[in-house]
C-alpha atoms as a PDB file:
ATOM      1  CA  LYS A   1     -78.142  80.048 -61.797  1.00  0.00           C
ATOM      2  CA  PRO A   2     -75.091  80.413 -64.124  1.00  0.00           C
ATOM      3  CA  THR A   3     -76.594  83.665 -65.400  1.00  0.00           C
ATOM      4  CA  VAL A   4     -76.489  85.146 -61.877  1.00  0.00           C
ATOM      5  CA  THR A   5     -72.852  84.083 -61.420  1.00  0.00           C
ATOM      6  CA  THR A   6     -71.920  85.560 -64.807  1.00  0.00           C
ATOM      7  CA  ALA A   7     -73.744  88.797 -64.037  1.00  0.00           C
ATOM      8  CA  LEU A   8     -72.027  89.104 -60.634  1.00  0.00           C
ATOM      9  CA  HIS A   9     -68.625  88.389 -62.199  1.00  0.00           C
ATOM     10  CA  GLU A  10     -69.134  91.010 -64.906  1.00  0.00           C
ATOM     11  CA  ASN A  11     -70.331  93.526 -62.313  1.00  0.00           C
ATOM     12  CA  PHE A  12     -67.193  93.026 -60.151  1.00  0.00           C
ATOM     13  CA  GLU A  13     -64.895  93.063 -63.160  1.00  0.00           C
ATOM     14  CA  ASN A  14     -66.333  96.322 -64.494  1.00  0.00           C
ATOM     15  CA  LYS A  15     -65.985  98.072 -61.109  1.00  0.00           C
ATOM     16  CA  ILE A  16     -62.320  97.136 -60.546  1.00  0.00           C
ATOM     17  CA  GLN A  17     -59.976  99.873 -61.757  1.00  0.00           C
ATOM     18  CA  LEU A  18     -56.180  99.989 -62.034  1.00  0.00           C
ATOM     19  CA  SER A  19     -54.430 103.341 -62.014  1.00  0.00           C
ATOM     20  CA  PRO A  20     -52.102 104.518 -63.247  1.00  0.00           C
ATOM     21  CA  ASN A  21     -51.781 102.051 -66.063  1.00  0.00           C
ATOM     22  CA  PRO A  22     -49.026 102.062 -67.317  1.00  0.00           C
ATOM     23  CA  ALA A  23     -47.441 102.271 -63.856  1.00  0.00           C
ATOM     24  CA  ASN A  24     -43.875 102.669 -62.665  1.00  0.00           C
ATOM     25  CA  HIS A  25     -43.936 102.734 -58.836  1.00  0.00           C
ATOM     26  CA  ILE A  26     -47.345 102.309 -57.227  1.00  0.00           C
ATOM     27  CA  VAL A  27     -50.499 100.930 -58.809  1.00  0.00           C
ATOM     28  CA  ARG A  28     -53.843 101.556 -57.139  1.00  0.00           C
ATOM     29  CA  ILE A  29     -56.549  98.950 -57.474  1.00  0.00           C
ATOM     30  CA  ASN A  30     -59.982 100.304 -56.619  1.00  0.00           C
ATOM     31  CA  ASN A  31     -63.156  98.449 -55.651  1.00  0.00           C
ATOM     32  CA  VAL A  32     -61.558  95.061 -54.933  1.00  0.00           C
ATOM     33  CA  GLY A  33     -62.845  94.489 -51.401  1.00  0.00           C
ATOM     34  CA  LYS A  34     -61.908  91.266 -49.614  1.00  0.00           C
ATOM     35  CA  SER A  35     -59.829  89.353 -52.158  1.00  0.00           C
ATOM     36  CA  GLN A  36     -56.551  87.661 -53.046  1.00  0.00           C
ATOM     37  CA  ILE A  37     -54.473  89.715 -55.495  1.00  0.00           C
ATOM     38  CA  SER A  38     -51.686  88.178 -57.602  1.00  0.00           C
ATOM     39  CA  VAL A  39     -49.360  89.864 -60.082  1.00  0.00           C
ATOM     40  CA  ILE A  40     -48.309  87.392 -62.776  1.00  0.00           C
ATOM     41  CA  ASP A  41     -45.524  87.962 -65.302  1.00  0.00           C
ATOM     42  CA  SER A  42     -45.639  87.067 -69.004  1.00  0.00           C
ATOM     43  CA  LEU A  43     -44.238  83.583 -68.270  1.00  0.00           C
ATOM     44  CA  GLY A  44     -47.083  82.819 -65.854  1.00  0.00           C
ATOM     45  CA  LYS A  45     -44.986  83.191 -62.689  1.00  0.00           C
ATOM     46  CA  VAL A  46     -46.583  84.862 -59.662  1.00  0.00           C
ATOM     47  CA  VAL A  47     -44.220  87.746 -58.812  1.00  0.00           C
ATOM     48  CA  LEU A  48     -46.336  89.474 -56.125  1.00  0.00           C
ATOM     49  CA  GLU A  49     -49.202  88.219 -54.037  1.00  0.00           C
ATOM     50  CA  GLN A  50     -51.226  89.650 -51.194  1.00  0.00           C
ATOM     51  CA  LYS A  51     -54.509  89.207 -49.385  1.00  0.00           C
ATOM     52  CA  ASN A  52     -56.652  92.286 -49.292  1.00  0.00           C
ATOM     53  CA  GLN A  53     -59.393  93.357 -46.890  1.00  0.00           C
ATOM     54  CA  LEU A  54     -59.960  96.909 -48.139  1.00  0.00           C
ATOM     55  CA  ASP A  55     -61.932  98.314 -51.063  1.00  0.00           C
ATOM     56  CA  ASN A  56     -58.889 100.159 -52.412  1.00  0.00           C
ATOM     57  CA  VAL A  57     -55.323  98.907 -52.282  1.00  0.00           C
ATOM     58  CA  GLU A  58     -51.900 100.116 -53.409  1.00  0.00           C
ATOM     59  CA  ILE A  59     -49.241  97.729 -54.674  1.00  0.00           C
ATOM     60  CA  ASN A  60     -45.592  98.707 -54.986  1.00  0.00           C
ATOM     61  CA  VAL A  61     -44.427  97.533 -58.412  1.00  0.00           C
ATOM     62  CA  SER A  62     -41.204  99.577 -58.513  1.00  0.00           C
ATOM     63  CA  LYS A  63     -38.977  96.475 -58.255  1.00  0.00           C
ATOM     64  CA  LEU A  64     -40.635  94.699 -61.179  1.00  0.00           C
ATOM     65  CA  PRO A  65     -38.994  94.885 -64.599  1.00  0.00           C
ATOM     66  CA  VAL A  66     -40.630  96.715 -67.491  1.00  0.00           C
ATOM     67  CA  GLY A  67     -43.255  94.545 -69.138  1.00  0.00           C
ATOM     68  CA  VAL A  68     -46.853  93.425 -69.332  1.00  0.00           C
ATOM     69  CA  TYR A  69     -48.336  91.719 -66.289  1.00  0.00           C
ATOM     70  CA  ASN A  70     -51.629  90.140 -65.416  1.00  0.00           C
ATOM     71  CA  ILE A  71     -53.347  91.232 -62.207  1.00  0.00           C
ATOM     72  CA  GLN A  72     -55.462  88.323 -61.018  1.00  0.00           C
ATOM     73  CA  ILE A  73     -58.074  89.071 -58.371  1.00  0.00           C
ATOM     74  CA  ASN A  74     -59.770  86.171 -56.643  1.00  0.00           C
ATOM     75  CA  LYS A  75     -62.973  87.560 -55.165  1.00  0.00           C
ATOM     76  CA  TYR A  76     -65.883  85.403 -54.019  1.00  0.00           C
ATOM     77  CA  ASN A  77     -64.222  82.436 -55.781  1.00  0.00           C
ATOM     78  CA  GLN A  78     -64.378  84.331 -59.077  1.00  0.00           C
ATOM     79  CA  LEU A  79     -61.136  85.068 -60.944  1.00  0.00           C
ATOM     80  CA  ILE A  80     -60.946  88.531 -62.439  1.00  0.00           C
ATOM     81  CA  ASN A  81     -58.014  89.393 -64.706  1.00  0.00           C
ATOM     82  CA  LYS A  82     -56.726  92.850 -65.562  1.00  0.00           C
ATOM     83  CA  LYS A  83     -53.715  93.749 -67.696  1.00  0.00           C
ATOM     84  CA  LEU A  84     -51.028  95.992 -66.166  1.00  0.00           C
ATOM     85  CA  ILE A  85     -48.167  97.604 -68.052  1.00  0.00           C
ATOM     86  CA  ILE A  86     -45.023  98.568 -66.165  1.00  0.00           C
ATOM     87  CA  LYS A  87     -42.749 101.126 -67.706  1.00  0.00           C
ATOM     88  CA  LYS A  88     -39.989 103.224 -66.184  1.00  0.00           C
END
C-alpha cells in the first residue's frame, strides 16, 4: 500500500508546474486540481493561502518581497512542495 501512495504522490508532484519561475507579479500553477495552496517564506511563515477548485490557478505575488518561497500544495492529504523565486 505505501508504494501506491508514493507513486500517486510522485505522479502529482511531477505534473504540477509553476511559471514563470522566477516570478514578479503573477505565478501560474498548473495541474493542481482541488487543493489547498500555501506560499511560505524563508522563515516558515505562511504569507498567502487559498483553496483551489480548478486545475490551473494564478496567484498574485506582486506584494511579496524578493526572495525564495516554498509553495506547499495539499492535495488528497499529500503535501507537495515546490520552490518559487520572486524577483523584481
